[in-house]
């Protein structure tokens, strides 16, 4: 197995050392006596962050993740205010919030997981793949960078040690996002989010009267949720279960199935 860094394999320094030497002489750079130019920019390797990964224990973790997803949908279905909205608004909010809401569920259930490198396909398999299958393989794969961001977010929530009520009101703030485009009931959604924020603030003051920084710290931590893409969640936790099915369509069926 080749463990060398491949980040800079396309650079002129590696592919054409003669050209690099000539250009270095032109711009006045002088290599040191041992052949190294210590004034050259440092190469920062991103190979570890770019490598694609998958769950180390997919059967166990996917089952836990599916349970969290079911609870997430049930939470939304049981909100009277959500059910009063136009169906199109419900769909828009679902599409916008299901991933951050699911991450909050992972945090609340304290689901821990590990990842490993995605196994490489054999050359024979690549040759035998038809166009459609090749397209499926080229879809966005979870990377170590994305997974690290997700795990860092979960650890921040665990360090806050939120109570069930704090999680509930934070989920309400996440669901009722007035910034979602084309909402017909945008003002109603904004009022609901403000009510959820006020309720969260009151609960925080009741449970932690001496900690004035806790409420803004919770909101700051929650802002990280938007930086984690739904595609990462779908590919990492649900692709082994759903296969080629569209996860959003499954969520719509779960939400609107009475």
Protein backbone atom coordinates (compact mmCIF):
# COMPACT_ATOMS: atom_id res chain seq x y z
CA UNK A 1 0.00 0.00 0.00
CA UNK A 2 1.31 3.43 -0.99
CA UNK A 3 1.22 5.68 2.10
CA UNK A 4 2.87 8.64 0.42
CA UNK A 5 1.15 12.01 0.32
CA UNK A 6 -0.57 12.64 -3.02
CA UNK A 7 -1.68 16.23 -2.35
CA UNK A 8 1.20 17.77 -4.25
CA UNK A 9 1.74 15.17 -6.96
CA UNK A 10 0.42 17.61 -9.55
CA UNK A 11 2.81 20.39 -8.62
CA UNK A 12 5.57 21.54 -10.96
CA UNK A 13 8.05 20.86 -8.16
CA UNK A 14 7.49 17.13 -8.38
CA UNK A 15 6.55 16.65 -12.04
CA UNK A 16 9.24 18.82 -13.56
CA UNK A 17 12.17 19.47 -11.22
CA UNK A 18 14.27 20.90 -14.08
CA UNK A 19 11.62 23.53 -14.88
CA UNK A 20 11.30 24.31 -11.18
CA UNK A 21 15.07 24.85 -10.91
CA UNK A 22 15.12 27.22 -13.90
CA UNK A 23 12.18 29.25 -12.62
CA UNK A 24 13.71 29.41 -9.15
CA UNK A 25 16.89 30.90 -10.64
CA UNK A 26 14.87 33.43 -12.63
CA UNK A 27 12.92 34.73 -9.62
CA UNK A 28 16.12 35.02 -7.60
CA UNK A 29 15.55 32.14 -5.21
CA UNK A 30 18.75 30.46 -4.15
CA UNK A 31 18.61 26.86 -2.99
CA UNK A 32 20.59 26.03 0.11
CA UNK A 33 23.76 23.95 -0.01
CA UNK A 34 21.91 20.74 0.78
CA UNK A 35 19.50 21.26 -2.12
CA UNK A 36 16.47 22.49 -0.17
CA UNK A 37 14.94 25.91 -0.43
CA UNK A 38 13.90 26.84 3.08
CA UNK A 39 12.12 29.95 1.78
CA UNK A 40 9.68 27.85 -0.25
CA UNK A 41 6.08 27.72 1.01
CA UNK A 42 5.31 24.83 3.35
CA UNK A 43 3.12 22.11 1.83
CA UNK A 44 0.21 21.33 4.14
CA UNK A 45 -1.09 17.84 3.52
CA UNK A 46 -4.86 17.49 3.17
CA UNK A 47 -4.86 13.82 2.23
CA UNK A 48 -6.14 12.70 5.63
CA UNK A 49 -9.05 15.14 5.50
CA UNK A 50 -9.98 14.38 1.89
CA UNK A 51 -10.01 10.61 2.14
CA UNK A 52 -13.45 9.01 1.93
CA UNK A 53 -14.70 7.07 4.93
CA UNK A 54 -17.56 4.85 6.05
CA UNK A 55 -18.92 3.59 9.36
CA UNK A 56 -16.77 1.04 11.15
CA UNK A 57 -19.85 -0.73 12.60
CA UNK A 58 -22.52 0.03 9.98
CA UNK A 59 -25.12 -2.52 11.09
CA UNK A 60 -25.22 -1.31 14.68
CA UNK A 61 -24.86 2.42 14.02
CA UNK A 62 -27.33 2.51 11.12
CA UNK A 63 -29.91 0.87 13.37
CA UNK A 64 -29.34 3.51 16.06
CA UNK A 65 -29.45 6.28 13.45
CA UNK A 66 -32.73 4.95 12.04
CA UNK A 67 -34.22 5.04 15.53
CA UNK A 68 -33.11 8.66 15.94
CA UNK A 69 -34.59 9.57 12.55
CA UNK A 70 -37.96 8.02 13.45
CA UNK A 71 -38.02 10.01 16.71
CA UNK A 72 -37.11 13.15 14.76
CA UNK A 73 -40.07 12.78 12.40
CA UNK A 74 -42.43 11.93 15.27
CA UNK A 75 -41.28 15.07 17.10
CA UNK A 76 -42.28 17.20 14.11
CA UNK A 77 -45.59 15.38 13.60
CA UNK A 78 -46.56 15.94 17.24
CA UNK A 79 -46.16 19.73 17.05
CA UNK A 80 -49.65 21.24 16.68
CA UNK A 81 -48.25 24.48 15.26
CA UNK A 82 -46.38 22.56 12.56
CA UNK A 83 -49.53 20.69 11.54
CA UNK A 84 -51.43 23.97 11.16
CA UNK A 85 -49.13 25.16 8.39
CA UNK A 86 -49.76 24.79 4.66
CA UNK A 87 -48.41 21.48 3.30
CA UNK A 88 -45.87 23.27 1.10
CA UNK A 89 -44.49 25.11 4.13
CA UNK A 90 -44.28 21.84 6.03
CA UNK A 91 -42.29 20.31 3.19
CA UNK A 92 -39.97 23.34 2.94
CA UNK A 93 -39.27 23.28 6.68
CA UNK A 94 -38.71 19.52 6.61
CA UNK A 95 -36.21 19.82 3.76
CA UNK A 96 -34.40 22.61 5.59
CA UNK A 97 -34.28 21.20 9.10
CA UNK A 98 -34.23 17.40 8.99
CA UNK A 99 -30.43 17.13 9.02
CA UNK A 100 -29.71 19.57 11.91
CA UNK A 101 -32.69 18.12 13.78
CA UNK A 102 -31.27 14.62 13.30
CA UNK A 103 -27.87 15.76 14.60
CA UNK A 104 -29.57 17.12 17.72
CA UNK A 105 -31.15 13.69 18.09
CA UNK A 106 -27.73 12.03 17.80
CA UNK A 107 -26.45 14.36 20.50
CA UNK A 108 -29.42 13.77 22.80
CA UNK A 109 -29.20 9.99 22.40
CA UNK A 110 -25.40 10.18 22.73
CA UNK A 111 -24.78 8.08 19.62
CA UNK A 112 -21.03 7.56 19.27
CA UNK A 113 -19.50 6.15 16.10
CA UNK A 114 -16.18 5.50 14.43
CA UNK A 115 -15.25 5.53 10.77
CA UNK A 116 -12.76 3.71 8.62
CA UNK A 117 -11.40 4.18 5.10
CA UNK A 118 -13.82 3.32 2.30
CA UNK A 119 -12.70 0.05 0.64
CA UNK A 120 -11.33 0.57 -2.86
CA UNK A 121 -13.13 -1.17 -5.74
CA UNK A 122 -11.24 -3.68 -7.82
CA UNK A 123 -10.23 -2.82 -11.38
CA UNK A 124 -12.52 -5.60 -12.71
CA UNK A 125 -15.52 -4.11 -10.92
CA UNK A 126 -14.79 -0.66 -12.37
CA UNK A 127 -14.61 -2.13 -15.89
CA UNK A 128 -17.87 -4.04 -15.51
CA UNK A 129 -19.86 -1.10 -14.12
CA UNK A 130 -22.40 0.37 -16.51
CA UNK A 131 -22.93 4.12 -16.84
CA UNK A 132 -25.72 4.36 -14.26
CA UNK A 133 -23.79 2.43 -11.64
CA UNK A 134 -20.71 4.54 -12.32
CA UNK A 135 -22.80 7.66 -11.75
CA UNK A 136 -24.01 6.26 -8.42
CA UNK A 137 -20.44 5.61 -7.34
CA UNK A 138 -19.39 9.15 -8.24
CA UNK A 139 -21.93 10.75 -5.88
CA UNK A 140 -20.57 12.74 -2.95
CA UNK A 141 -18.87 10.43 -0.46
CA UNK A 142 -18.36 11.17 3.25
CA UNK A 143 -14.89 12.56 3.88
CA UNK A 144 -12.82 12.60 7.04
CA UNK A 145 -13.14 16.39 7.10
CA UNK A 146 -16.94 16.24 7.12
CA UNK A 147 -17.08 13.48 9.72
CA UNK A 148 -14.61 15.34 11.95
CA UNK A 149 -16.83 18.43 11.80
CA UNK A 150 -19.86 16.32 12.77
CA UNK A 151 -18.07 14.62 15.66
CA UNK A 152 -16.74 17.96 16.90
CA UNK A 153 -20.29 19.35 16.87
CA UNK A 154 -21.60 16.38 18.87
CA UNK A 155 -18.86 16.78 21.46
CA UNK A 156 -19.77 20.44 21.92
CA UNK A 157 -23.38 19.51 22.65
CA UNK A 158 -22.29 16.76 25.03
CA UNK A 159 -20.11 19.23 26.90
CA UNK A 160 -23.19 21.44 27.40
CA UNK A 161 -25.09 18.49 28.94
CA UNK A 162 -28.48 19.80 27.82
CA UNK A 163 -31.64 18.74 29.62
CA UNK A 164 -34.56 17.16 27.69
CA UNK A 165 -36.45 20.48 27.83
CA UNK A 166 -33.45 22.39 26.50
CA UNK A 167 -33.17 19.93 23.60
CA UNK A 168 -36.91 20.20 22.90
CA UNK A 169 -36.94 24.00 22.67
CA UNK A 170 -33.71 24.01 20.66
CA UNK A 171 -35.36 21.64 18.20
CA UNK A 172 -38.28 24.05 17.98
CA UNK A 173 -35.88 26.89 17.17
CA UNK A 174 -34.32 24.70 14.48
CA UNK A 175 -37.61 23.65 12.89
CA UNK A 176 -39.28 27.07 12.77
CA UNK A 177 -36.74 28.87 10.63
CA UNK A 178 -38.27 31.97 8.99
CA UNK A 179 -35.28 32.30 6.65
CA UNK A 180 -36.39 29.25 4.63
CA UNK A 181 -37.25 30.56 1.12
CA UNK A 182 -40.83 30.82 -0.20
CA UNK A 183 -42.68 30.25 3.07
CA UNK A 184 -46.30 31.36 2.87
CA UNK A 185 -46.56 31.58 6.65
CA UNK A 186 -43.15 33.17 7.23
CA UNK A 187 -44.43 35.61 9.89
CA UNK A 188 -46.13 32.77 11.77
CA UNK A 189 -42.92 30.74 11.62
CA UNK A 190 -40.90 33.70 12.90
CA UNK A 191 -43.26 34.10 15.87
CA UNK A 192 -42.95 30.41 16.67
CA UNK A 193 -39.16 30.59 16.60
CA UNK A 194 -39.18 33.61 18.90
CA UNK A 195 -41.49 31.76 21.31
CA UNK A 196 -39.14 28.76 21.28
CA UNK A 197 -36.13 31.02 21.96
CA UNK A 198 -37.95 32.70 24.84
CA UNK A 199 -38.94 29.34 26.31
CA UNK A 200 -35.38 28.06 26.03
CA UNK A 201 -34.07 31.19 27.74
CA UNK A 202 -36.50 30.72 30.63
CA UNK A 203 -35.59 27.05 31.06
CA UNK A 204 -31.88 27.89 31.06
CA UNK A 205 -32.39 30.54 33.73
CA UNK A 206 -34.44 28.11 35.81
CA UNK A 207 -31.98 25.22 35.58
CA UNK A 208 -28.76 27.26 35.58
CA UNK A 209 -29.51 30.56 37.37
CA UNK A 210 -25.84 31.42 37.88
CA UNK A 211 -24.71 30.78 34.32
CA UNK A 212 -25.54 33.84 32.21
CA UNK A 213 -23.42 32.67 29.30
CA UNK A 214 -25.20 29.34 28.87
CA UNK A 215 -28.06 30.56 26.64
CA UNK A 216 -25.85 32.35 24.07
CA UNK A 217 -23.42 29.41 24.22
CA UNK A 218 -26.23 27.02 23.30
CA UNK A 219 -27.29 29.19 20.36
CA UNK A 220 -23.68 29.53 19.21
CA UNK A 221 -23.21 25.77 19.29
CA UNK A 222 -26.48 25.27 17.40
CA UNK A 223 -25.25 27.58 14.63
CA UNK A 224 -22.64 24.96 13.74
CA UNK A 225 -25.43 22.59 12.66
CA UNK A 226 -25.97 24.47 9.40
CA UNK A 227 -22.38 23.77 8.35
CA UNK A 228 -22.97 20.02 8.20
CA UNK A 229 -24.45 18.99 4.87
CA UNK A 230 -27.53 16.73 4.59
CA UNK A 231 -25.68 14.69 1.97
CA UNK A 232 -23.03 13.75 4.56
CA UNK A 233 -25.73 12.54 6.96
CA UNK A 234 -27.60 10.64 4.25
CA UNK A 235 -24.51 8.93 2.81
CA UNK A 236 -22.87 8.09 6.13
CA UNK A 237 -25.84 6.80 8.13
CA UNK A 238 -28.56 5.82 5.66
CA UNK A 239 -27.09 4.85 2.28
CA UNK A 240 -26.28 1.32 3.56
CA UNK A 241 -29.98 0.99 4.51
CA UNK A 242 -31.87 2.91 1.82
CA UNK A 243 -29.66 2.04 -1.14
CA UNK A 244 -30.56 4.24 -4.13
CA UNK A 245 -33.82 5.50 -2.56
CA UNK A 246 -34.10 9.23 -1.93
CA UNK A 247 -34.03 9.84 1.82
CA UNK A 248 -36.04 13.06 1.62
CA UNK A 249 -38.87 11.23 -0.15
CA UNK A 250 -38.87 8.64 2.62
CA UNK A 251 -39.05 11.40 5.23
CA UNK A 252 -42.00 12.98 3.41
CA UNK A 253 -43.82 9.64 3.42
CA UNK A 254 -43.14 9.24 7.15
CA UNK A 255 -44.25 12.79 7.97
CA UNK A 256 -47.45 12.92 5.94
CA UNK A 257 -48.55 9.34 6.53
CA UNK A 258 -51.34 9.72 9.08
